[in-house]
Amino acid sequence: MKTAYRLSILAAAAASIGAGFLATSYAQTAETERYRPERPPKATIYRDAGYRGPAVFIGEEKPNLGLAWPVNSIRVPNGRWELCEKTRYRGNCRTVDRDTPMLNNVLRGITIQSIRPVGGGGGGWNPNPPANDQVARGNFAEFHTQPAERNYRVLACARGSATANCAAQTADTWCRSIGWNGSAREHMETISGRVYLADVLCVRSGY
């Protein structure tokens, strides 16, 4: 009975979506394959003005830099960075989002002992690509081409290998998060070496 019910839901969903909708979905999948996730935040700090002298590359938050010299310039290829005069982001802090050849007087510099990336709206940098979810909703099911969280694609498995079982559990959890009982069908899509949920059918009951 459960299998027959599931097949009837799938057939109804496919009919409601239509051949044209499915064609659009797979065209978007091909377009997504060409997408490359945005670069992570990174910066290089220098002892001297004009990007000279000893330098330290920063690719993640550093609560205790342990520098023996002041920072006079910084290059910021990507992201926004908070520079603080004390460890653990305490004391006076300054946010920089672009290359700055002179942070302060060249003879004094700025004492920086901690640095971290910051993002607008509390989101910060997200390594996952933006979602372009296409939705078809029925009375008992809802189909999503690219499930999203905060407008970004959802990993098929946040920890460990992206197996079918893990993807099914992730899809169930995601469907429940948007008000459905679980997932009756889900697929996985690989983009730049990362595996995401795709074509998820959320159902009300009997999945």
N, C-alpha and C. Protein backbone atom coordinates (compact mmCIF):
# COMPACT_ATOMS: atom_id res chain seq x y z
N MET A 1 0.82 -1.20 0.00
CA MET A 1 0.00 0.00 0.00
C MET A 1 0.87 1.26 0.00
N LYS A 2 1.92 1.22 0.83
CA LYS A 2 2.79 2.38 0.91
C LYS A 2 3.46 2.66 -0.42
N THR A 3 3.92 1.60 -1.10
CA THR A 3 4.57 1.76 -2.41
C THR A 3 3.60 2.31 -3.44
N ALA A 4 2.37 1.76 -3.44
CA ALA A 4 1.37 2.22 -4.41
C ALA A 4 1.02 3.68 -4.18
N TYR A 5 0.89 4.06 -2.90
CA TYR A 5 0.59 5.46 -2.57
C TYR A 5 1.71 6.38 -3.02
N ARG A 6 2.94 5.92 -2.79
CA ARG A 6 4.09 6.74 -3.18
C ARG A 6 4.13 6.92 -4.69
N LEU A 7 3.87 5.85 -5.43
CA LEU A 7 3.88 5.94 -6.89
C LEU A 7 2.78 6.86 -7.39
N SER A 8 1.62 6.83 -6.74
CA SER A 8 0.53 7.71 -7.18
C SER A 8 0.89 9.17 -6.95
N ILE A 9 1.58 9.46 -5.84
CA ILE A 9 2.01 10.84 -5.55
C ILE A 9 3.02 11.30 -6.59
N LEU A 10 3.97 10.43 -6.90
CA LEU A 10 4.98 10.79 -7.89
C LEU A 10 4.36 11.06 -9.24
N ALA A 11 3.38 10.23 -9.63
CA ALA A 11 2.72 10.42 -10.92
C ALA A 11 1.96 11.74 -10.95
N ALA A 12 1.27 12.04 -9.85
CA ALA A 12 0.50 13.29 -9.78
C ALA A 12 1.43 14.50 -9.84
N ALA A 13 2.56 14.39 -9.12
CA ALA A 13 3.51 15.51 -9.12
C ALA A 13 4.09 15.73 -10.49
N ALA A 14 4.45 14.65 -11.17
CA ALA A 14 5.03 14.75 -12.51
C ALA A 14 4.03 15.38 -13.47
N ALA A 15 2.75 15.01 -13.33
CA ALA A 15 1.74 15.56 -14.22
C ALA A 15 1.56 17.05 -13.97
N SER A 16 1.61 17.46 -12.70
CA SER A 16 1.41 18.88 -12.38
C SER A 16 2.58 19.72 -12.82
N ILE A 17 3.75 19.14 -12.80
CA ILE A 17 4.95 19.89 -13.20
C ILE A 17 4.97 20.09 -14.71
N GLY A 18 4.72 19.02 -15.44
CA GLY A 18 4.66 19.11 -16.89
C GLY A 18 6.01 18.96 -17.54
N ALA A 19 5.98 18.55 -18.80
CA ALA A 19 7.22 18.31 -19.52
C ALA A 19 8.03 19.58 -19.69
N GLY A 20 7.34 20.70 -19.92
CA GLY A 20 8.08 21.95 -20.09
C GLY A 20 8.81 22.36 -18.84
N PHE A 21 8.18 22.18 -17.69
CA PHE A 21 8.83 22.52 -16.42
C PHE A 21 10.05 21.67 -16.19
N LEU A 22 9.96 20.36 -16.46
CA LEU A 22 11.11 19.47 -16.28
C LEU A 22 12.25 19.85 -17.20
N ALA A 23 11.90 20.22 -18.45
CA ALA A 23 12.95 20.63 -19.38
C ALA A 23 13.67 21.86 -18.87
N THR A 24 12.91 22.81 -18.31
CA THR A 24 13.53 24.00 -17.73
C THR A 24 14.43 23.65 -16.58
N SER A 25 13.98 22.69 -15.75
CA SER A 25 14.76 22.27 -14.59
C SER A 25 16.11 21.74 -15.00
N TYR A 26 16.15 20.88 -15.99
CA TYR A 26 17.42 20.28 -16.38
C TYR A 26 18.31 21.24 -17.15
N ALA A 27 17.68 22.21 -17.82
CA ALA A 27 18.49 23.26 -18.45
C ALA A 27 19.18 24.09 -17.39
N GLN A 28 18.47 24.35 -16.28
CA GLN A 28 19.08 25.10 -15.19
C GLN A 28 20.18 24.28 -14.52
N THR A 29 20.01 22.95 -14.47
CA THR A 29 21.05 22.10 -13.90
C THR A 29 22.33 22.23 -14.70
N ALA A 30 22.19 22.25 -16.04
CA ALA A 30 23.38 22.40 -16.89
C ALA A 30 24.04 23.74 -16.66
N GLU A 31 23.21 24.78 -16.49
CA GLU A 31 23.77 26.11 -16.22
C GLU A 31 24.50 26.13 -14.89
N THR A 32 23.92 25.44 -13.87
CA THR A 32 24.52 25.42 -12.55
C THR A 32 25.88 24.74 -12.57
N GLU A 33 26.05 23.75 -13.44
CA GLU A 33 27.33 23.05 -13.52
C GLU A 33 28.46 24.00 -13.88
N ARG A 34 28.11 25.09 -14.59
CA ARG A 34 29.15 26.05 -14.97
C ARG A 34 29.43 27.03 -13.84
N TYR A 35 28.60 27.00 -12.80
CA TYR A 35 28.80 27.91 -11.67
C TYR A 35 29.98 27.47 -10.83
N ARG A 36 30.73 28.44 -10.36
CA ARG A 36 31.83 28.16 -9.44
C ARG A 36 31.58 28.94 -8.17
N PRO A 37 31.56 28.29 -7.01
CA PRO A 37 31.26 29.00 -5.76
C PRO A 37 32.17 30.20 -5.57
N GLU A 38 31.63 31.25 -4.97
CA GLU A 38 32.42 32.45 -4.74
C GLU A 38 33.62 32.14 -3.85
N ARG A 39 34.65 32.91 -4.05
CA ARG A 39 35.89 32.67 -3.31
C ARG A 39 35.73 32.95 -1.83
N PRO A 40 36.42 32.21 -0.99
CA PRO A 40 36.37 32.48 0.45
C PRO A 40 37.11 33.78 0.77
N PRO A 41 36.82 34.39 1.90
CA PRO A 41 37.52 35.62 2.27
C PRO A 41 39.00 35.36 2.51
N LYS A 42 39.83 36.29 2.09
CA LYS A 42 41.26 36.16 2.32
C LYS A 42 41.89 37.54 2.31
N ALA A 43 43.01 37.64 3.01
CA ALA A 43 43.72 38.92 3.12
C ALA A 43 45.19 38.65 3.42
N THR A 44 46.01 39.65 3.16
CA THR A 44 47.43 39.59 3.52
C THR A 44 47.78 40.89 4.22
N ILE A 45 48.33 40.76 5.42
CA ILE A 45 48.73 41.94 6.18
C ILE A 45 50.25 42.12 6.10
N TYR A 46 50.69 43.38 6.09
CA TYR A 46 52.11 43.71 5.91
C TYR A 46 52.60 44.61 7.04
N ARG A 47 53.86 44.44 7.37
CA ARG A 47 54.45 45.28 8.41
C ARG A 47 54.61 46.72 7.96
N ASP A 48 54.97 46.94 6.69
CA ASP A 48 55.26 48.28 6.19
C ASP A 48 54.14 48.77 5.28
N ALA A 49 54.08 50.09 5.11
CA ALA A 49 53.12 50.69 4.18
C ALA A 49 53.46 50.28 2.75
N GLY A 50 52.46 50.34 1.88
CA GLY A 50 52.69 50.02 0.47
C GLY A 50 52.92 48.54 0.23
N TYR A 51 52.43 47.67 1.13
CA TYR A 51 52.53 46.22 0.98
C TYR A 51 53.98 45.74 0.93
N ARG A 52 54.78 46.28 1.82
CA ARG A 52 56.20 45.89 1.87
C ARG A 52 56.52 45.30 3.24
N GLY A 53 57.67 44.68 3.31
CA GLY A 53 58.13 44.10 4.56
C GLY A 53 57.52 42.73 4.83
N PRO A 54 57.72 42.20 6.03
CA PRO A 54 57.16 40.89 6.39
C PRO A 54 55.64 40.88 6.19
N ALA A 55 55.12 39.74 5.76
CA ALA A 55 53.68 39.63 5.48
C ALA A 55 53.13 38.33 6.03
N VAL A 56 51.84 38.34 6.32
CA VAL A 56 51.15 37.14 6.81
C VAL A 56 49.85 36.99 6.03
N PHE A 57 49.68 35.84 5.39
CA PHE A 57 48.42 35.55 4.68
C PHE A 57 47.37 35.09 5.69
N ILE A 58 46.14 35.60 5.54
CA ILE A 58 45.05 35.24 6.43
C ILE A 58 43.90 34.65 5.61
N GLY A 59 43.51 33.42 5.92
CA GLY A 59 42.41 32.78 5.21
C GLY A 59 41.27 32.36 6.11
N GLU A 60 41.39 32.66 7.40
CA GLU A 60 40.35 32.31 8.36
C GLU A 60 40.50 33.20 9.58
N GLU A 61 39.55 33.11 10.51
CA GLU A 61 39.64 33.96 11.69
C GLU A 61 40.84 33.57 12.55
N LYS A 62 41.49 34.58 13.10
CA LYS A 62 42.67 34.39 13.94
C LYS A 62 42.46 35.15 15.25
N PRO A 63 42.03 34.47 16.31
CA PRO A 63 41.79 35.16 17.58
C PRO A 63 43.06 35.61 18.29
N ASN A 64 44.21 35.05 17.89
CA ASN A 64 45.48 35.46 18.49
C ASN A 64 46.58 35.37 17.45
N LEU A 65 46.87 36.48 16.80
CA LEU A 65 47.87 36.49 15.74
C LEU A 65 49.29 36.32 16.28
N GLY A 66 49.56 36.89 17.44
CA GLY A 66 50.89 36.80 18.03
C GLY A 66 51.95 37.54 17.24
N LEU A 67 51.58 38.64 16.61
CA LEU A 67 52.53 39.41 15.81
C LEU A 67 53.49 40.20 16.70
N ALA A 68 54.75 40.27 16.26
CA ALA A 68 55.75 41.06 16.98
C ALA A 68 55.93 42.42 16.33
N TRP A 69 55.17 42.72 15.28
CA TRP A 69 55.28 43.99 14.59
C TRP A 69 53.90 44.57 14.28
N PRO A 70 53.82 45.91 14.14
CA PRO A 70 52.54 46.54 13.80
C PRO A 70 52.21 46.31 12.33
N VAL A 71 50.95 46.51 12.00
CA VAL A 71 50.48 46.33 10.62
C VAL A 71 50.25 47.70 9.99
N ASN A 72 50.88 47.93 8.86
CA ASN A 72 50.75 49.22 8.19
C ASN A 72 49.96 49.18 6.90
N SER A 73 49.79 47.99 6.31
CA SER A 73 49.02 47.89 5.06
C SER A 73 48.41 46.50 4.95
N ILE A 74 47.37 46.42 4.12
CA ILE A 74 46.66 45.15 3.96
C ILE A 74 46.11 45.04 2.54
N ARG A 75 46.20 43.85 1.97
CA ARG A 75 45.55 43.55 0.69
C ARG A 75 44.34 42.66 0.98
N VAL A 76 43.21 42.98 0.35
CA VAL A 76 41.97 42.22 0.57
C VAL A 76 41.41 41.78 -0.78
N PRO A 77 41.83 40.61 -1.29
CA PRO A 77 41.28 40.13 -2.56
C PRO A 77 39.79 39.81 -2.47
N ASN A 78 39.34 39.40 -1.27
CA ASN A 78 37.93 39.02 -1.14
C ASN A 78 37.47 39.11 0.31
N GLY A 79 36.25 39.56 0.52
CA GLY A 79 35.67 39.59 1.85
C GLY A 79 35.85 40.91 2.58
N ARG A 80 35.34 40.94 3.81
CA ARG A 80 35.50 42.07 4.71
C ARG A 80 36.14 41.55 5.98
N TRP A 81 37.09 42.30 6.52
CA TRP A 81 37.88 41.83 7.66
C TRP A 81 37.82 42.81 8.82
N GLU A 82 37.67 42.26 10.01
CA GLU A 82 37.71 43.06 11.23
C GLU A 82 39.07 42.89 11.88
N LEU A 83 39.80 43.99 12.05
CA LEU A 83 41.12 43.99 12.64
C LEU A 83 41.02 44.59 14.04
N CYS A 84 41.47 43.87 15.05
CA CYS A 84 41.34 44.33 16.43
C CYS A 84 42.71 44.40 17.12
N GLU A 85 42.85 45.38 18.01
CA GLU A 85 44.14 45.62 18.65
C GLU A 85 44.48 44.61 19.73
N LYS A 86 43.48 43.86 20.23
CA LYS A 86 43.73 42.87 21.27
C LYS A 86 43.27 41.49 20.80
N THR A 87 43.70 40.47 21.50
CA THR A 87 43.30 39.11 21.16
C THR A 87 41.79 38.93 21.37
N ARG A 88 41.25 37.91 20.69
CA ARG A 88 39.82 37.56 20.79
C ARG A 88 38.92 38.73 20.43
N TYR A 89 39.39 39.56 19.48
CA TYR A 89 38.58 40.61 18.87
C TYR A 89 38.11 41.65 19.89
N ARG A 90 39.00 41.98 20.80
CA ARG A 90 38.71 42.98 21.83
C ARG A 90 39.46 44.27 21.53
N GLY A 91 39.13 45.30 22.30
CA GLY A 91 39.79 46.58 22.12
C GLY A 91 39.24 47.32 20.90
N ASN A 92 40.01 48.27 20.41
CA ASN A 92 39.60 49.01 19.23
C ASN A 92 39.71 48.13 17.98
N CYS A 93 38.67 48.14 17.18
CA CYS A 93 38.64 47.32 15.96
C CYS A 93 38.34 48.20 14.75
N ARG A 94 38.76 47.72 13.60
CA ARG A 94 38.53 48.45 12.36
C ARG A 94 38.18 47.44 11.28
N THR A 95 37.17 47.75 10.46
CA THR A 95 36.75 46.86 9.37
C THR A 95 37.30 47.36 8.05
N VAL A 96 37.91 46.45 7.30
CA VAL A 96 38.53 46.79 6.02
C VAL A 96 37.99 45.85 4.95
N ASP A 97 37.58 46.40 3.79
CA ASP A 97 37.04 45.57 2.73
C ASP A 97 37.72 45.78 1.39
N ARG A 98 38.90 46.43 1.41
CA ARG A 98 39.63 46.68 0.17
C ARG A 98 41.12 46.83 0.46
N ASP A 99 41.91 46.81 -0.59
CA ASP A 99 43.34 47.03 -0.42
C ASP A 99 43.57 48.41 0.21
N THR A 100 44.40 48.45 1.24
CA THR A 100 44.70 49.70 1.94
C THR A 100 46.21 49.81 2.11
N PRO A 101 46.86 50.68 1.33
CA PRO A 101 48.32 50.76 1.37
C PRO A 101 48.88 51.41 2.62
N MET A 102 48.05 52.16 3.36
CA MET A 102 48.52 52.79 4.59
C MET A 102 47.39 52.81 5.61
N LEU A 103 47.46 51.95 6.61
CA LEU A 103 46.42 51.87 7.61
C LEU A 103 46.51 53.00 8.63
N ASN A 104 47.73 53.49 8.87
CA ASN A 104 47.93 54.55 9.85
C ASN A 104 49.26 55.21 9.53
N ASN A 105 49.69 56.06 10.40
CA ASN A 105 51.00 56.70 10.19
C ASN A 105 52.06 55.64 9.96
N VAL A 106 52.87 55.82 8.93
CA VAL A 106 53.83 54.80 8.53
C VAL A 106 54.86 54.49 9.62
N LEU A 107 55.10 55.43 10.51
CA LEU A 107 56.08 55.18 11.56
C LEU A 107 55.47 54.49 12.78
N ARG A 108 54.15 54.60 12.94
CA ARG A 108 53.51 54.03 14.11
C ARG A 108 52.82 52.70 13.82
N GLY A 109 52.12 52.65 12.70
CA GLY A 109 51.39 51.44 12.37
C GLY A 109 50.22 51.20 13.31
N ILE A 110 49.56 50.06 13.15
CA ILE A 110 48.45 49.68 14.01
C ILE A 110 48.77 48.35 14.67
N THR A 111 48.62 48.29 15.97
CA THR A 111 48.82 47.03 16.67
C THR A 111 47.60 46.15 16.45
N ILE A 112 47.81 45.01 15.82
CA ILE A 112 46.71 44.08 15.54
C ILE A 112 47.06 42.72 16.13
N GLN A 113 46.22 42.22 16.98
CA GLN A 113 46.46 40.91 17.59
C GLN A 113 45.37 39.89 17.27
N SER A 114 44.31 40.32 16.58
CA SER A 114 43.28 39.37 16.14
C SER A 114 42.61 39.90 14.89
N ILE A 115 42.15 39.00 14.03
CA ILE A 115 41.52 39.37 12.76
C ILE A 115 40.53 38.29 12.37
N ARG A 116 39.39 38.70 11.81
CA ARG A 116 38.39 37.72 11.39
C ARG A 116 37.54 38.26 10.24
N PRO A 117 37.02 37.37 9.39
CA PRO A 117 36.11 37.81 8.32
C PRO A 117 34.75 38.14 8.90
N VAL A 118 34.10 39.14 8.34
CA VAL A 118 32.75 39.51 8.76
C VAL A 118 31.90 39.64 7.51
N GLY A 119 30.59 39.37 7.67
CA GLY A 119 29.68 39.44 6.53
C GLY A 119 28.49 40.30 6.84
N GLY A 120 27.84 40.80 5.79
CA GLY A 120 26.65 41.60 5.97
C GLY A 120 25.46 40.74 6.35
N GLY A 121 24.57 41.30 7.14
CA GLY A 121 23.34 40.62 7.52
C GLY A 121 23.55 39.41 8.39
N GLY A 122 24.75 39.26 8.99
CA GLY A 122 25.00 38.14 9.87
C GLY A 122 25.28 36.86 9.12
N GLY A 123 25.26 36.91 7.77
CA GLY A 123 25.42 35.67 7.02
C GLY A 123 26.86 35.27 6.83
N GLY A 124 27.73 36.27 6.63
CA GLY A 124 29.11 35.93 6.36
C GLY A 124 29.26 35.25 5.01
N TRP A 125 30.38 34.64 4.79
CA TRP A 125 30.64 33.96 3.53
C TRP A 125 30.03 32.58 3.53
N ASN A 126 29.41 32.22 2.43
CA ASN A 126 28.81 30.89 2.29
C ASN A 126 29.46 30.19 1.12
N PRO A 127 30.09 29.02 1.34
CA PRO A 127 30.79 28.34 0.26
C PRO A 127 29.86 27.68 -0.75
N ASN A 128 28.57 27.58 -0.45
CA ASN A 128 27.63 26.92 -1.35
C ASN A 128 27.10 27.90 -2.39
N PRO A 129 26.77 27.42 -3.59
CA PRO A 129 26.26 28.31 -4.63
C PRO A 129 24.84 28.77 -4.32
N PRO A 130 24.45 29.93 -4.84
CA PRO A 130 23.07 30.38 -4.66
C PRO A 130 22.11 29.40 -5.31
N ALA A 131 20.92 29.28 -4.75
CA ALA A 131 19.91 28.38 -5.30
C ALA A 131 18.99 29.13 -6.26
N ASN A 132 18.59 28.45 -7.32
CA ASN A 132 17.58 28.98 -8.23
C ASN A 132 16.44 27.97 -8.25
N ASP A 133 15.74 27.89 -7.11
CA ASP A 133 14.74 26.85 -6.91
C ASP A 133 13.47 27.13 -7.72
N GLN A 134 13.03 26.11 -8.45
CA GLN A 134 11.75 26.16 -9.16
C GLN A 134 10.80 25.23 -8.42
N VAL A 135 9.61 25.72 -8.10
CA VAL A 135 8.69 25.00 -7.22
C VAL A 135 7.38 24.72 -7.94
N ALA A 136 6.88 23.48 -7.76
CA ALA A 136 5.54 23.12 -8.21
C ALA A 136 4.81 22.54 -7.01
N ARG A 137 3.69 23.16 -6.64
CA ARG A 137 2.98 22.77 -5.42
C ARG A 137 1.61 22.17 -5.75
N GLY A 138 1.31 21.04 -5.12
CA GLY A 138 0.00 20.42 -5.23
C GLY A 138 -0.64 20.34 -3.86
N ASN A 139 -1.77 19.63 -3.78
CA ASN A 139 -2.46 19.50 -2.50
C ASN A 139 -1.71 18.60 -1.52
N PHE A 140 -1.01 17.60 -2.07
CA PHE A 140 -0.38 16.61 -1.20
C PHE A 140 1.14 16.50 -1.40
N ALA A 141 1.69 17.32 -2.27
CA ALA A 141 3.13 17.24 -2.54
C ALA A 141 3.65 18.56 -3.07
N GLU A 142 4.94 18.77 -2.93
CA GLU A 142 5.59 19.98 -3.44
C GLU A 142 6.97 19.60 -3.96
N PHE A 143 7.25 20.00 -5.20
CA PHE A 143 8.49 19.62 -5.88
C PHE A 143 9.44 20.82 -5.92
N HIS A 144 10.71 20.59 -5.52
CA HIS A 144 11.73 21.64 -5.52
C HIS A 144 12.93 21.19 -6.35
N THR A 145 13.31 22.00 -7.32
CA THR A 145 14.47 21.65 -8.15
C THR A 145 15.79 21.85 -7.41
N GLN A 146 15.86 22.90 -6.59
CA GLN A 146 17.09 23.21 -5.86
C GLN A 146 16.74 23.66 -4.44
N PRO A 147 16.57 22.72 -3.52
CA PRO A 147 16.28 23.09 -2.13
C PRO A 147 17.29 24.11 -1.61
N ALA A 148 16.79 25.06 -0.82
CA ALA A 148 17.65 26.16 -0.38
C ALA A 148 17.51 26.43 1.10
N GLU A 149 18.59 26.91 1.69
CA GLU A 149 18.60 27.46 3.04
C GLU A 149 19.26 28.82 2.96
N ARG A 150 18.51 29.86 3.34
CA ARG A 150 19.00 31.24 3.24
C ARG A 150 19.45 31.55 1.81
N ASN A 151 18.71 31.01 0.84
CA ASN A 151 18.95 31.26 -0.58
C ASN A 151 20.19 30.56 -1.14
N TYR A 152 20.78 29.61 -0.39
CA TYR A 152 21.92 28.86 -0.88
C TYR A 152 21.58 27.38 -0.95
N ARG A 153 22.26 26.65 -1.85
CA ARG A 153 22.03 25.23 -2.04
C ARG A 153 22.29 24.46 -0.75
N VAL A 154 21.60 23.33 -0.61
CA VAL A 154 21.69 22.49 0.58
C VAL A 154 22.57 21.28 0.28
N LEU A 155 23.61 21.09 1.10
CA LEU A 155 24.46 19.92 0.94
C LEU A 155 23.65 18.65 1.16
N ALA A 156 23.92 17.62 0.32
CA ALA A 156 23.22 16.35 0.46
C ALA A 156 23.57 15.67 1.77
N CYS A 157 24.80 15.88 2.22
CA CYS A 157 25.22 15.31 3.50
C CYS A 157 26.25 16.26 4.11
N ALA A 158 25.89 16.88 5.22
CA ALA A 158 26.77 17.88 5.82
C ALA A 158 28.04 17.27 6.40
N ARG A 159 27.96 16.00 6.81
CA ARG A 159 29.12 15.32 7.40
C ARG A 159 29.32 13.98 6.73
N GLY A 160 30.55 13.68 6.37
CA GLY A 160 30.85 12.40 5.77
C GLY A 160 30.52 12.35 4.29
N SER A 161 30.53 11.15 3.74
CA SER A 161 30.28 10.95 2.31
C SER A 161 28.80 11.17 1.98
N ALA A 162 28.56 11.66 0.78
CA ALA A 162 27.19 11.92 0.35
C ALA A 162 26.58 10.63 -0.21
N THR A 163 26.09 9.79 0.67
CA THR A 163 25.45 8.54 0.26
C THR A 163 23.96 8.78 0.03
N ALA A 164 23.31 7.81 -0.62
CA ALA A 164 21.87 7.93 -0.88
C ALA A 164 21.08 8.00 0.42
N ASN A 165 21.48 7.20 1.41
CA ASN A 165 20.78 7.21 2.70
C ASN A 165 20.92 8.56 3.40
N CYS A 166 22.12 9.11 3.35
CA CYS A 166 22.35 10.41 3.99
C CYS A 166 21.54 11.49 3.28
N ALA A 167 21.51 11.44 1.94
CA ALA A 167 20.74 12.42 1.18
C ALA A 167 19.26 12.31 1.51
N ALA A 168 18.76 11.08 1.68
CA ALA A 168 17.35 10.88 2.01
C ALA A 168 17.02 11.48 3.37
N GLN A 169 17.92 11.29 4.33
CA GLN A 169 17.71 11.86 5.67
C GLN A 169 17.73 13.38 5.62
N THR A 170 18.69 13.92 4.85
CA THR A 170 18.79 15.38 4.72
C THR A 170 17.54 15.94 4.06
N ALA A 171 17.05 15.25 3.02
CA ALA A 171 15.85 15.71 2.32
C ALA A 171 14.63 15.65 3.24
N ASP A 172 14.52 14.58 4.04
CA ASP A 172 13.42 14.48 5.00
C ASP A 172 13.44 15.66 5.97
N THR A 173 14.62 15.93 6.51
CA THR A 173 14.76 17.04 7.46
C THR A 173 14.42 18.36 6.81
N TRP A 174 14.88 18.55 5.57
CA TRP A 174 14.63 19.82 4.88
C TRP A 174 13.14 19.99 4.60
N CYS A 175 12.49 18.93 4.13
CA CYS A 175 11.05 19.02 3.86
C CYS A 175 10.27 19.35 5.13
N ARG A 176 10.66 18.73 6.23
CA ARG A 176 9.97 19.02 7.49
C ARG A 176 10.18 20.47 7.91
N SER A 177 11.36 21.03 7.57
CA SER A 177 11.65 22.41 7.96
C SER A 177 10.76 23.41 7.23
N ILE A 178 10.16 23.01 6.09
CA ILE A 178 9.28 23.92 5.35
C ILE A 178 7.82 23.49 5.46
N GLY A 179 7.53 22.59 6.42
CA GLY A 179 6.13 22.29 6.73
C GLY A 179 5.56 21.02 6.18
N TRP A 180 6.39 20.18 5.52
CA TRP A 180 5.91 18.91 5.00
C TRP A 180 6.34 17.77 5.93
N ASN A 181 5.82 16.56 5.66
CA ASN A 181 6.13 15.42 6.53
C ASN A 181 7.46 14.76 6.22
N GLY A 182 7.92 14.89 4.99
CA GLY A 182 9.18 14.26 4.61
C GLY A 182 9.34 14.26 3.10
N SER A 183 10.35 13.55 2.63
CA SER A 183 10.65 13.49 1.20
C SER A 183 10.28 12.11 0.64
N ALA A 184 9.60 12.11 -0.50
CA ALA A 184 9.29 10.87 -1.19
C ALA A 184 10.32 10.55 -2.26
N ARG A 185 11.07 11.57 -2.68
CA ARG A 185 12.08 11.38 -3.72
C ARG A 185 13.10 12.51 -3.64
N GLU A 186 14.33 12.19 -3.90
CA GLU A 186 15.39 13.20 -3.92
C GLU A 186 16.53 12.70 -4.80
N HIS A 187 17.28 13.63 -5.32
CA HIS A 187 18.46 13.32 -6.12
C HIS A 187 19.65 14.11 -5.57
N MET A 188 20.83 13.79 -6.08
CA MET A 188 22.05 14.51 -5.70
C MET A 188 22.69 15.11 -6.95
N GLU A 189 23.23 16.30 -6.79
CA GLU A 189 23.89 17.01 -7.89
C GLU A 189 25.26 17.49 -7.43
N THR A 190 26.29 17.16 -8.20
CA THR A 190 27.66 17.52 -7.84
C THR A 190 28.08 18.80 -8.56
N ILE A 191 28.53 19.78 -7.80
CA ILE A 191 29.00 21.05 -8.34
C ILE A 191 30.34 21.37 -7.70
N SER A 192 31.37 21.46 -8.52
CA SER A 192 32.71 21.79 -8.03
C SER A 192 33.15 20.89 -6.88
N GLY A 193 32.84 19.61 -6.99
CA GLY A 193 33.28 18.64 -6.00
C GLY A 193 32.41 18.55 -4.77
N ARG A 194 31.36 19.36 -4.68
CA ARG A 194 30.45 19.32 -3.53
C ARG A 194 29.10 18.79 -3.99
N VAL A 195 28.45 17.99 -3.16
CA VAL A 195 27.22 17.30 -3.55
C VAL A 195 26.02 17.94 -2.86
N TYR A 196 25.03 18.34 -3.66
CA TYR A 196 23.86 19.05 -3.16
C TYR A 196 22.57 18.29 -3.44
N LEU A 197 21.53 18.58 -2.64
CA LEU A 197 20.21 18.04 -2.92
C LEU A 197 19.66 18.66 -4.20
N ALA A 198 18.90 17.86 -4.95
CA ALA A 198 18.25 18.35 -6.16
C ALA A 198 16.97 17.55 -6.40
N ASP A 199 15.99 18.19 -7.04
CA ASP A 199 14.73 17.54 -7.42
C ASP A 199 14.13 16.77 -6.25
N VAL A 200 13.80 17.49 -5.20
CA VAL A 200 13.23 16.89 -3.99
C VAL A 200 11.71 17.01 -4.02
N LEU A 201 11.02 15.89 -3.76
CA LEU A 201 9.57 15.87 -3.69
C LEU A 201 9.14 15.74 -2.25
N CYS A 202 8.67 16.84 -1.68
CA CYS A 202 8.17 16.84 -0.31
C CYS A 202 6.70 16.43 -0.31
N VAL A 203 6.30 15.60 0.67
CA VAL A 203 4.92 15.11 0.71
C VAL A 203 4.31 15.36 2.08
N ARG A 204 2.97 15.35 2.09
CA ARG A 204 2.24 15.62 3.32
C ARG A 204 2.19 14.41 4.23
N SER A 205 1.91 13.24 3.66
CA SER A 205 1.80 12.02 4.48
C SER A 205 1.95 10.81 3.58
N GLY A 206 2.18 9.65 4.21
CA GLY A 206 2.25 8.40 3.49
C GLY A 206 3.48 8.20 2.65
N TYR A 207 4.56 8.92 2.95
CA TYR A 207 5.77 8.78 2.15
C TYR A 207 6.55 7.55 2.57
